[in-house]
Amino acid sequence: MKKAVLMLPAILAVSGILIMGCSKKSDGGLTIKQGVLLVGMEIGYPPMEYLAEDGRTPIGFDVEMGKAIAQKLGLQVEFIDTAWDGIFAGVNTKKYDCIISSVTINDARWRAHNFSSPYIQNTLAIVLPKGSNHNVRLPQDLAGLGVAYQEETTSNYYMTELAEQGLRFTPYEYDKVMYCFNEMRLGRVDAIMTDLLVAYEYVGQANSPFEMVWQGGDEQFGICMKRGNDALTEAVNKALDELFNEGTMQKISNDTFGMDLVSAVRK
């Protein structure tokens, strides 16, 4: 496949944004920085993690969950904005303690890293402009179209598999998913392959110019940690269990999506 990559201006990079947790003190043995949970995150993936209108404050589902987990651990939390293509290297080299950034749990990642238990289920989705002349109801209908997706994501891997199976389309790869939707607004791409949770964010907006025409597949998101960091993995899992049991995860989901999208992952 020949890549068609458009160069776009980078959005404001935000690194080392400190969000306060609670006042309890940590013993300092669980995390890289005493008293702080360092979280690697690609802050450009609404509604999971993105910047507020001030261009500085990270918000979204994963952000709120990260704050809640840190509080359970008696830590403050610091979100470190990291490009997706280097995010796993960052946790391996101890730039941060964990990755909370809509990370799909798959076999390759599971072999290379520690993961928490899943915290939300997800599928893939195809998004078109409303009123599109293209009759797309299945991934195979993307033949001959310009398809946008975020590079190095499940959407990227899925489209690559379709290409290897013989589907011919023009790929447009972007380092942030928001660029896919910006380009569709400008009429530069015909379709977008993305996570269902992201599609909800764009399609569900008032007067949205987008529509979702297909969803399929099945995946789960988890919190990623350095391979062998069993102490932190155990602590994070315990915190997640408590957040589910007390209803905090369901509240974060309702606040973000307007519905409970997390309980199904625990059934």
Protein backbone atom coordinates (compact mmCIF):
# COMPACT_ATOMS: atom_id res chain seq x y z
CA MET A 1 0.00 0.00 0.00
CA LYS A 2 1.25 3.39 -0.86
CA LYS A 3 0.83 5.72 2.08
CA ALA A 4 -0.81 9.08 1.52
CA VAL A 5 0.27 11.16 4.51
CA LEU A 6 -0.66 14.82 4.79
CA MET A 7 1.49 17.16 6.86
CA LEU A 8 -0.60 19.17 9.27
CA PRO A 9 0.38 21.79 11.84
CA ALA A 10 1.01 20.27 15.24
CA ILE A 11 -1.35 21.19 18.00
CA LEU A 12 -0.04 22.69 21.17
CA ALA A 13 2.08 20.09 22.94
CA VAL A 14 1.42 19.72 26.62
CA SER A 15 3.90 17.85 28.74
CA GLY A 16 3.96 17.24 32.44
CA ILE A 17 0.54 18.58 33.36
CA LEU A 18 0.08 18.11 37.09
CA ILE A 19 -3.36 17.22 38.37
CA MET A 20 -3.71 16.94 42.12
CA GLY A 21 -5.02 13.73 43.61
CA CYS A 22 -5.58 13.47 47.35
CA SER A 23 -3.46 14.43 50.32
CA LYS A 24 -2.51 10.91 51.44
CA LYS A 25 1.19 10.17 51.33
CA SER A 26 2.74 7.35 49.32
CA ASP A 27 5.59 5.25 50.64
CA GLY A 28 7.43 6.11 47.41
CA GLY A 29 8.09 2.48 46.48
CA LEU A 30 5.32 2.02 43.94
CA THR A 31 6.06 4.76 41.42
CA ILE A 32 9.03 6.38 39.69
CA LYS A 33 8.44 9.78 41.28
CA GLN A 34 7.65 9.67 44.97
CA GLY A 35 4.03 10.54 45.70
CA VAL A 36 3.08 10.88 42.01
CA LEU A 37 1.60 8.53 39.42
CA LEU A 38 3.20 9.45 36.09
CA VAL A 39 0.80 8.66 33.26
CA GLY A 40 1.80 8.55 29.59
CA MET A 41 -1.05 9.73 27.38
CA GLU A 42 -1.52 10.82 23.77
CA ILE A 43 -3.72 13.84 24.47
CA GLY A 44 -5.58 14.10 21.20
CA TYR A 45 -8.16 11.34 21.17
CA PRO A 46 -11.58 12.72 22.12
CA PRO A 47 -13.61 11.80 24.08
CA MET A 48 -11.03 9.63 25.83
CA GLU A 49 -8.19 12.14 26.24
CA TYR A 50 -7.95 15.62 24.74
CA LEU A 51 -7.39 19.25 25.65
CA ALA A 52 -10.05 21.56 27.02
CA GLU A 53 -10.82 24.86 25.28
CA ASP A 54 -7.99 26.54 27.19
CA GLY A 55 -5.54 24.40 25.18
CA ARG A 56 -3.77 23.31 28.35
CA THR A 57 -6.01 21.18 30.52
CA PRO A 58 -6.38 17.46 29.69
CA ILE A 59 -9.93 16.16 29.92
CA GLY A 60 -11.84 13.04 28.90
CA PHE A 61 -12.71 9.56 30.13
CA ASP A 62 -9.15 8.29 30.58
CA VAL A 63 -8.11 11.50 32.32
CA GLU A 64 -10.90 11.24 34.90
CA MET A 65 -10.20 7.55 35.40
CA GLY A 66 -6.49 8.24 35.84
CA LYS A 67 -7.23 10.85 38.49
CA ALA A 68 -9.56 8.45 40.29
CA ILE A 69 -6.99 5.63 40.25
CA ALA A 70 -4.27 7.92 41.59
CA GLN A 71 -6.56 9.00 44.39
CA LYS A 72 -7.21 5.39 45.31
CA LEU A 73 -3.44 4.84 45.45
CA GLY A 74 -2.93 7.91 47.63
CA LEU A 75 -0.99 9.69 44.90
CA GLN A 76 -1.07 12.84 42.87
CA VAL A 77 -1.17 12.32 39.11
CA GLU A 78 0.87 13.84 36.32
CA PHE A 79 -0.19 13.36 32.69
CA ILE A 80 2.69 13.37 30.22
CA ASP A 81 1.57 14.09 26.65
CA THR A 82 3.36 11.62 24.40
CA ALA A 83 3.18 10.92 20.67
CA TRP A 84 1.49 7.58 20.07
CA ASP A 85 4.34 6.14 18.02
CA GLY A 86 6.67 6.42 21.03
CA ILE A 87 4.28 5.80 23.88
CA PHE A 88 5.24 2.17 24.60
CA ALA A 89 8.96 2.96 24.49
CA GLY A 90 8.30 5.61 27.12
CA VAL A 91 6.89 3.18 29.67
CA ASN A 92 9.71 0.73 28.95
CA THR A 93 12.35 3.40 29.66
CA LYS A 94 10.57 4.62 32.82
CA LYS A 95 9.52 8.02 31.54
CA TYR A 96 6.20 7.27 33.25
CA ASP A 97 4.68 4.53 35.37
CA CYS A 98 1.85 3.53 33.09
CA ILE A 99 -0.03 4.34 29.90
CA ILE A 100 -3.68 5.33 30.19
CA SER A 101 -4.52 6.21 26.62
CA SER A 102 -7.18 3.94 25.08
CA VAL A 103 -4.69 1.10 24.73
CA THR A 104 -6.19 -2.00 23.15
CA ILE A 105 -5.09 -5.23 24.82
CA ASN A 106 -3.79 -7.58 22.15
CA ASP A 107 -1.48 -10.59 22.12
CA ALA A 108 1.65 -8.72 21.01
CA ARG A 109 1.26 -6.01 23.62
CA TRP A 110 0.36 -8.54 26.31
CA ARG A 111 3.61 -10.43 25.68
CA ALA A 112 5.67 -7.23 25.92
CA HIS A 113 3.97 -5.42 28.82
CA ASN A 114 1.91 -5.79 31.95
CA PHE A 115 -1.76 -4.87 31.64
CA SER A 116 -4.52 -4.13 34.09
CA SER A 117 -7.84 -5.89 33.79
CA PRO A 118 -9.97 -4.36 30.99
CA TYR A 119 -11.90 -1.22 31.88
CA ILE A 120 -14.04 -0.65 28.78
CA GLN A 121 -15.05 -2.52 25.62
CA ASN A 122 -14.74 -1.04 22.18
CA THR A 123 -15.36 -1.87 18.52
CA LEU A 124 -14.35 -0.27 15.26
CA ALA A 125 -16.61 2.02 13.25
CA ILE A 126 -16.80 3.56 9.78
CA VAL A 127 -17.77 7.22 9.60
CA LEU A 128 -18.89 9.05 6.45
CA PRO A 129 -19.95 12.63 5.77
CA LYS A 130 -23.71 13.01 6.03
CA GLY A 131 -25.24 12.83 2.58
CA SER A 132 -22.25 11.02 1.11
CA ASN A 133 -22.73 9.62 -2.39
CA HIS A 134 -20.75 6.52 -1.43
CA ASN A 135 -22.83 3.50 -0.47
CA VAL A 136 -20.76 2.09 2.39
CA ARG A 137 -22.35 -0.42 4.73
CA LEU A 138 -19.44 -2.85 5.17
CA PRO A 139 -15.64 -2.48 5.21
CA GLN A 140 -15.47 -4.12 1.77
CA ASP A 141 -17.47 -1.17 0.40
CA LEU A 142 -14.46 1.08 1.05
CA ALA A 143 -12.90 -0.16 -2.19
CA GLY A 144 -11.71 2.75 -4.32
CA LEU A 145 -12.22 5.33 -1.55
CA GLY A 146 -9.87 7.52 0.44
CA VAL A 147 -9.90 6.14 4.00
CA ALA A 148 -8.46 8.03 6.96
CA TYR A 149 -7.33 6.51 10.27
CA GLN A 150 -4.82 7.11 13.03
CA GLU A 151 -1.49 5.43 12.45
CA GLU A 152 -0.28 2.61 14.69
CA THR A 153 -3.79 1.95 16.02
CA THR A 154 -6.23 -0.93 15.75
CA SER A 155 -7.89 0.91 12.87
CA ASN A 156 -4.54 1.02 11.06
CA TYR A 157 -3.94 -2.70 11.63
CA TYR A 158 -7.46 -3.56 10.51
CA MET A 159 -7.19 -1.57 7.27
CA THR A 160 -3.78 -3.13 6.61
CA GLU A 161 -5.31 -6.59 6.96
CA LEU A 162 -8.06 -5.66 4.48
CA ALA A 163 -5.43 -4.43 2.03
CA GLU A 164 -3.49 -7.67 2.39
CA GLN A 165 -6.72 -9.52 1.61
CA GLY A 166 -7.05 -7.57 -1.64
CA LEU A 167 -9.11 -4.48 -0.77
CA ARG A 168 -7.88 -1.51 -2.80
CA PHE A 169 -8.30 1.94 -1.27
CA THR A 170 -6.23 5.07 -0.72
CA PRO A 171 -4.95 5.21 2.88
CA TYR A 172 -4.58 8.52 4.70
CA GLU A 173 -2.67 8.07 7.94
CA TYR A 174 -2.56 10.74 10.64
CA ASP A 175 -0.79 10.90 13.97
CA LYS A 176 -3.94 12.16 15.73
CA VAL A 177 -7.49 10.99 15.14
CA MET A 178 -8.87 14.53 15.22
CA TYR A 179 -6.99 15.24 11.99
CA CYS A 180 -9.05 12.54 10.25
CA PHE A 181 -12.25 14.38 11.07
CA ASN A 182 -10.77 17.77 10.18
CA GLU A 183 -9.84 16.44 6.76
CA MET A 184 -13.30 14.96 6.24
CA ARG A 185 -14.83 18.35 7.03
CA LEU A 186 -12.67 19.76 4.24
CA GLY A 187 -13.76 17.03 1.82
CA ARG A 188 -10.29 15.52 1.51
CA VAL A 189 -11.18 11.98 2.60
CA ASP A 190 -14.20 9.81 1.85
CA ALA A 191 -14.37 7.68 4.99
CA ILE A 192 -12.84 7.25 8.44
CA MET A 193 -12.08 4.01 10.25
CA THR A 194 -11.88 4.65 13.99
CA ASP A 195 -12.84 3.41 17.43
CA LEU A 196 -16.56 3.34 18.15
CA LEU A 197 -16.00 5.45 21.27
CA VAL A 198 -14.42 8.17 19.15
CA ALA A 199 -17.14 7.90 16.51
CA TYR A 200 -19.74 8.48 19.24
CA GLU A 201 -18.04 11.75 20.15
CA TYR A 202 -18.15 13.19 16.63
CA VAL A 203 -21.41 11.71 15.36
CA GLY A 204 -23.31 12.54 18.53
CA GLN A 205 -22.61 16.28 18.47
CA ALA A 206 -25.45 18.66 17.66
CA ASN A 207 -25.63 19.32 13.90
CA SER A 208 -22.82 16.84 13.32
CA PRO A 209 -21.73 16.62 9.65
CA PHE A 210 -20.84 12.96 10.20
CA GLU A 211 -22.72 9.69 10.30
CA MET A 212 -21.70 6.21 11.42
CA VAL A 213 -22.52 3.50 8.88
CA TRP A 214 -20.85 0.37 10.32
CA GLN A 215 -19.47 -1.00 13.54
CA GLY A 216 -17.81 -4.33 14.17
CA GLY A 217 -15.00 -6.23 15.78
CA ASP A 218 -14.40 -6.42 19.50
CA GLU A 219 -11.59 -5.15 21.68
CA GLN A 220 -10.91 -4.07 25.24
CA PHE A 221 -8.88 -1.22 26.65
CA GLY A 222 -6.48 -1.67 29.56
CA ILE A 223 -3.83 0.25 31.49
CA CYS A 224 -0.36 -0.64 30.23
CA MET A 225 2.71 -0.93 32.47
CA LYS A 226 6.32 -2.01 32.09
CA ARG A 227 6.78 -5.76 31.84
CA GLY A 228 7.43 -7.19 35.29
CA ASN A 229 5.97 -4.26 37.23
CA ASP A 230 3.67 -6.58 39.12
CA ALA A 231 3.35 -4.44 42.24
CA LEU A 232 1.88 -1.50 40.35
CA THR A 233 -0.27 -3.81 38.22
CA GLU A 234 -1.77 -5.37 41.35
CA ALA A 235 -2.38 -1.96 42.93
CA VAL A 236 -4.02 -0.58 39.78
CA ASN A 237 -6.27 -3.63 39.47
CA LYS A 238 -7.34 -3.27 43.10
CA ALA A 239 -8.11 0.42 42.49
CA LEU A 240 -10.13 -0.42 39.36
CA ASP A 241 -12.12 -3.05 41.25
CA GLU A 242 -13.01 -0.50 43.91
CA LEU A 243 -13.96 2.14 41.33
CA PHE A 244 -16.27 -0.32 39.57
CA ASN A 245 -17.80 -1.61 42.78
CA GLU A 246 -18.57 1.83 44.15
CA GLY A 247 -20.00 3.10 40.83
CA THR A 248 -17.29 5.65 40.06
CA MET A 249 -16.41 4.10 36.70
CA GLN A 250 -20.07 4.09 35.69
CA LYS A 251 -20.35 7.77 36.68
CA ILE A 252 -17.29 8.70 34.62
CA SER A 253 -18.81 6.86 31.65
CA ASN A 254 -22.16 8.59 32.05
CA ASP A 255 -20.46 11.98 32.37
CA THR A 256 -18.40 11.35 29.23
CA PHE A 257 -20.72 9.39 26.94
CA GLY A 258 -24.16 9.98 28.43
CA MET A 259 -24.48 6.24 29.08
CA ASP A 260 -22.86 3.33 30.91
CA LEU A 261 -20.35 1.78 28.50
CA VAL A 262 -18.12 0.20 31.13
CA SER A 263 -20.22 -2.32 33.06
CA ALA A 264 -20.34 -4.79 30.16
CA VAL A 265 -16.58 -5.38 30.39
CA ARG A 266 -17.06 -6.81 33.90
CA LYS A 267 -19.76 -9.33 32.92
